[in-house]
């Protein structure tokens, strides 16, 4: 009997956006044909914002497209933070 272990990748990153330090929680989705992360972060009122990041053509795409402005304006910073963290996993 062979046992196969699949690592669950989950990490948090503190990213400073618009002068505020925010904690982004990332969880890698297994069984997906494209590399996908489920992401959540709190806004100023403490409400959780959920979205997915998918790696398409060597760039991270965010879904859904109706994200708050502070996320939309800082996608490049979030993408770079994820790329910097991934080699650790």
N, C-alpha and C. Protein backbone atom coordinates (compact mmCIF):
# COMPACT_ATOMS: atom_id res chain seq x y z
N UNK A 1 0.84 -1.17 0.00
CA UNK A 1 0.00 0.00 0.00
C UNK A 1 0.89 1.25 0.00
N UNK A 2 0.65 2.12 -0.94
CA UNK A 2 1.45 3.33 -1.06
C UNK A 2 0.65 4.53 -0.56
N UNK A 3 1.28 5.32 0.27
CA UNK A 3 0.64 6.52 0.79
C UNK A 3 1.25 7.73 0.08
N UNK A 4 0.38 8.59 -0.40
CA UNK A 4 0.84 9.78 -1.09
C UNK A 4 0.40 11.02 -0.31
N UNK A 5 1.36 11.88 -0.01
CA UNK A 5 1.06 13.12 0.70
C UNK A 5 1.12 14.28 -0.27
N UNK A 6 0.13 15.13 -0.19
CA UNK A 6 0.11 16.34 -1.00
C UNK A 6 0.15 17.52 -0.05
N UNK A 7 1.15 18.34 -0.21
CA UNK A 7 1.33 19.48 0.69
C UNK A 7 0.24 20.53 0.48
N UNK A 8 -0.35 20.96 1.57
CA UNK A 8 -1.32 22.05 1.53
C UNK A 8 -0.54 23.35 1.73
N UNK A 9 -0.59 24.21 0.75
CA UNK A 9 0.14 25.47 0.81
C UNK A 9 -0.79 26.56 1.30
N UNK A 10 -0.41 27.17 2.41
CA UNK A 10 -1.21 28.21 3.02
C UNK A 10 -0.25 29.17 3.73
N UNK A 11 -0.39 30.47 3.46
CA UNK A 11 0.49 31.43 4.10
C UNK A 11 -0.20 32.78 4.20
N UNK A 12 0.32 33.61 5.09
CA UNK A 12 -0.17 34.98 5.28
C UNK A 12 0.97 35.94 5.00
N UNK A 13 0.62 37.07 4.40
CA UNK A 13 1.60 38.11 4.12
C UNK A 13 1.08 39.44 4.62
N UNK A 14 1.94 40.19 5.27
CA UNK A 14 1.61 41.56 5.65
C UNK A 14 2.11 42.47 4.53
N UNK A 15 1.19 43.18 3.91
CA UNK A 15 1.52 44.05 2.77
C UNK A 15 1.02 45.45 3.10
N UNK A 16 1.88 46.43 2.92
CA UNK A 16 1.50 47.82 3.18
C UNK A 16 0.90 48.41 1.91
N UNK A 17 -0.37 48.78 1.98
CA UNK A 17 -1.09 49.38 0.86
C UNK A 17 -1.70 50.70 1.30
N UNK A 18 -1.42 51.74 0.58
CA UNK A 18 -1.98 53.07 0.87
C UNK A 18 -1.76 53.48 2.32
N UNK A 19 -0.57 53.20 2.84
CA UNK A 19 -0.23 53.62 4.20
C UNK A 19 -0.76 52.73 5.31
N UNK A 20 -1.45 51.64 4.95
CA UNK A 20 -2.01 50.72 5.96
C UNK A 20 -1.40 49.34 5.78
N UNK A 21 -1.06 48.71 6.88
CA UNK A 21 -0.54 47.35 6.85
C UNK A 21 -1.72 46.39 6.88
N UNK A 22 -1.81 45.53 5.86
CA UNK A 22 -2.94 44.60 5.75
C UNK A 22 -2.43 43.16 5.70
N UNK A 23 -3.19 42.27 6.34
CA UNK A 23 -2.82 40.85 6.35
C UNK A 23 -3.63 40.12 5.28
N UNK A 24 -2.92 39.62 4.27
CA UNK A 24 -3.52 38.83 3.21
C UNK A 24 -3.28 37.36 3.52
N UNK A 25 -4.33 36.55 3.46
CA UNK A 25 -4.25 35.11 3.70
C UNK A 25 -4.42 34.40 2.37
N UNK A 26 -3.46 33.54 2.03
CA UNK A 26 -3.44 32.83 0.76
C UNK A 26 -3.57 31.33 1.01
N UNK A 27 -4.37 30.66 0.21
CA UNK A 27 -4.51 29.20 0.27
C UNK A 27 -4.50 28.67 -1.15
N UNK A 28 -3.55 27.78 -1.43
CA UNK A 28 -3.44 27.22 -2.78
C UNK A 28 -4.55 26.20 -2.99
N UNK A 29 -5.23 26.33 -4.11
CA UNK A 29 -6.32 25.43 -4.48
C UNK A 29 -5.72 24.23 -5.21
N UNK A 30 -5.92 23.05 -4.64
CA UNK A 30 -5.46 21.83 -5.32
C UNK A 30 -6.52 21.39 -6.31
N UNK A 31 -6.17 20.47 -7.17
CA UNK A 31 -7.07 19.93 -8.18
C UNK A 31 -7.51 21.00 -9.17
N UNK A 32 -6.66 21.95 -9.41
CA UNK A 32 -6.95 23.00 -10.39
C UNK A 32 -5.94 22.88 -11.52
N UNK A 33 -6.40 23.08 -12.74
CA UNK A 33 -5.51 22.96 -13.89
C UNK A 33 -4.54 24.13 -13.98
N UNK A 34 -4.96 25.28 -13.49
CA UNK A 34 -4.07 26.44 -13.45
C UNK A 34 -3.75 26.75 -11.99
N UNK A 35 -2.57 27.30 -11.76
CA UNK A 35 -2.17 27.62 -10.39
C UNK A 35 -3.11 28.69 -9.84
N UNK A 36 -3.81 28.37 -8.74
CA UNK A 36 -4.84 29.24 -8.20
C UNK A 36 -4.68 29.38 -6.69
N UNK A 37 -4.86 30.62 -6.21
CA UNK A 37 -4.89 30.89 -4.78
C UNK A 37 -6.21 31.52 -4.42
N UNK A 38 -6.78 31.06 -3.30
CA UNK A 38 -7.93 31.72 -2.70
C UNK A 38 -7.36 32.72 -1.70
N UNK A 39 -7.80 33.98 -1.78
CA UNK A 39 -7.22 35.04 -0.97
C UNK A 39 -8.32 35.73 -0.16
N UNK A 40 -8.00 36.10 1.07
CA UNK A 40 -8.93 36.93 1.85
C UNK A 40 -8.15 37.96 2.64
N UNK A 41 -8.81 39.11 2.83
CA UNK A 41 -8.21 40.24 3.54
C UNK A 41 -9.34 41.05 4.15
N UNK A 42 -9.06 41.73 5.25
CA UNK A 42 -10.08 42.59 5.89
C UNK A 42 -9.99 44.01 5.36
N UNK A 43 -11.16 44.65 5.26
CA UNK A 43 -11.18 46.08 4.93
C UNK A 43 -11.16 46.89 6.22
N UNK A 44 -11.35 48.20 6.12
CA UNK A 44 -11.27 49.09 7.29
C UNK A 44 -12.33 48.79 8.33
N UNK A 45 -13.48 48.29 7.89
CA UNK A 45 -14.59 48.00 8.82
C UNK A 45 -14.52 46.60 9.41
N UNK A 46 -13.53 45.82 9.00
CA UNK A 46 -13.39 44.47 9.51
C UNK A 46 -14.11 43.42 8.68
N UNK A 47 -14.71 43.83 7.55
CA UNK A 47 -15.38 42.87 6.66
C UNK A 47 -14.33 42.14 5.84
N UNK A 48 -14.52 40.84 5.66
CA UNK A 48 -13.60 40.04 4.86
C UNK A 48 -13.91 40.21 3.38
N UNK A 49 -12.86 40.37 2.59
CA UNK A 49 -12.98 40.42 1.14
C UNK A 49 -12.32 39.16 0.61
N UNK A 50 -13.06 38.41 -0.18
CA UNK A 50 -12.57 37.15 -0.75
C UNK A 50 -12.40 37.31 -2.26
N UNK A 51 -11.29 36.79 -2.78
CA UNK A 51 -11.09 36.76 -4.23
C UNK A 51 -10.09 35.66 -4.56
N UNK A 52 -10.00 35.33 -5.83
CA UNK A 52 -9.06 34.32 -6.32
C UNK A 52 -7.99 34.98 -7.16
N UNK A 53 -6.81 34.38 -7.13
CA UNK A 53 -5.72 34.79 -8.02
C UNK A 53 -5.35 33.57 -8.84
N UNK A 54 -5.36 33.71 -10.17
CA UNK A 54 -5.01 32.61 -11.07
C UNK A 54 -3.81 33.03 -11.91
N UNK A 55 -2.87 32.10 -12.07
CA UNK A 55 -1.69 32.40 -12.87
C UNK A 55 -1.97 32.04 -14.32
N UNK A 56 -2.10 33.06 -15.15
CA UNK A 56 -2.35 32.88 -16.57
C UNK A 56 -1.24 33.58 -17.35
N UNK A 57 -0.57 32.83 -18.21
CA UNK A 57 0.50 33.40 -19.05
C UNK A 57 1.54 34.14 -18.21
N UNK A 58 2.02 33.53 -17.17
CA UNK A 58 3.06 34.04 -16.27
C UNK A 58 2.68 35.33 -15.55
N UNK A 59 1.39 35.63 -15.47
CA UNK A 59 0.92 36.80 -14.73
C UNK A 59 -0.28 36.39 -13.89
N UNK A 60 -0.42 37.01 -12.73
CA UNK A 60 -1.53 36.69 -11.83
C UNK A 60 -2.75 37.51 -12.19
N UNK A 61 -3.88 36.83 -12.40
CA UNK A 61 -5.15 37.47 -12.73
C UNK A 61 -6.05 37.41 -11.50
N UNK A 62 -6.75 38.49 -11.20
CA UNK A 62 -7.63 38.58 -10.03
C UNK A 62 -9.08 38.39 -10.46
N UNK A 63 -9.83 37.55 -9.74
CA UNK A 63 -11.26 37.41 -9.98
C UNK A 63 -11.97 37.45 -8.64
N UNK A 64 -13.07 38.08 -8.46
CA UNK A 64 -13.85 38.82 -9.45
C UNK A 64 -13.21 40.17 -9.76
N UNK A 65 -13.78 40.87 -10.73
CA UNK A 65 -13.19 42.13 -11.16
C UNK A 65 -13.70 43.33 -10.37
N UNK A 66 -14.71 43.15 -9.53
CA UNK A 66 -15.28 44.27 -8.77
C UNK A 66 -14.68 44.37 -7.36
N UNK A 67 -13.36 44.41 -7.30
CA UNK A 67 -12.66 44.51 -6.02
C UNK A 67 -12.57 45.97 -5.58
N UNK A 68 -12.40 46.21 -4.27
CA UNK A 68 -12.26 47.59 -3.80
C UNK A 68 -11.08 48.30 -4.48
N UNK A 69 -11.17 49.61 -4.54
CA UNK A 69 -10.15 50.41 -5.22
C UNK A 69 -8.75 50.22 -4.68
N UNK A 70 -8.61 50.05 -3.36
CA UNK A 70 -7.28 49.91 -2.78
C UNK A 70 -6.62 48.59 -3.18
N UNK A 71 -7.40 47.59 -3.55
CA UNK A 71 -6.83 46.35 -4.09
C UNK A 71 -6.53 46.54 -5.57
N UNK A 72 -7.48 47.09 -6.32
CA UNK A 72 -7.30 47.31 -7.76
C UNK A 72 -6.05 48.15 -8.03
N UNK A 73 -5.83 49.19 -7.25
CA UNK A 73 -4.71 50.10 -7.48
C UNK A 73 -3.37 49.49 -7.08
N UNK A 74 -3.38 48.42 -6.31
CA UNK A 74 -2.14 47.83 -5.80
C UNK A 74 -1.94 46.39 -6.23
N UNK A 75 -2.55 46.00 -7.34
CA UNK A 75 -2.41 44.62 -7.82
C UNK A 75 -0.95 44.26 -8.07
N UNK A 76 -0.19 45.20 -8.60
CA UNK A 76 1.22 44.94 -8.89
C UNK A 76 1.99 44.60 -7.62
N UNK A 77 1.72 45.30 -6.53
CA UNK A 77 2.39 45.06 -5.25
C UNK A 77 2.01 43.68 -4.71
N UNK A 78 0.73 43.32 -4.81
CA UNK A 78 0.26 42.02 -4.33
C UNK A 78 0.87 40.90 -5.16
N UNK A 79 0.88 41.07 -6.49
CA UNK A 79 1.49 40.06 -7.38
C UNK A 79 2.95 39.83 -7.01
N UNK A 80 3.70 40.91 -6.81
CA UNK A 80 5.12 40.80 -6.49
C UNK A 80 5.33 40.12 -5.15
N UNK A 81 4.49 40.41 -4.16
CA UNK A 81 4.61 39.78 -2.85
C UNK A 81 4.39 38.27 -2.94
N UNK A 82 3.43 37.85 -3.76
CA UNK A 82 3.17 36.42 -3.94
C UNK A 82 4.35 35.76 -4.65
N UNK A 83 4.86 36.39 -5.70
CA UNK A 83 6.00 35.83 -6.43
C UNK A 83 7.23 35.71 -5.53
N UNK A 84 7.42 36.66 -4.62
CA UNK A 84 8.55 36.60 -3.70
C UNK A 84 8.39 35.49 -2.67
N UNK A 85 7.15 35.17 -2.29
CA UNK A 85 6.89 34.16 -1.26
C UNK A 85 6.89 32.73 -1.82
N UNK A 86 6.46 32.55 -3.05
CA UNK A 86 6.29 31.20 -3.61
C UNK A 86 7.54 30.32 -3.58
N UNK A 87 8.74 30.83 -3.82
CA UNK A 87 9.91 29.94 -3.74
C UNK A 87 10.11 29.28 -2.38
N UNK A 88 9.54 29.85 -1.33
CA UNK A 88 9.65 29.26 0.01
C UNK A 88 8.79 28.01 0.17
N UNK A 89 7.87 27.78 -0.76
CA UNK A 89 6.96 26.65 -0.67
C UNK A 89 7.26 25.66 -1.76
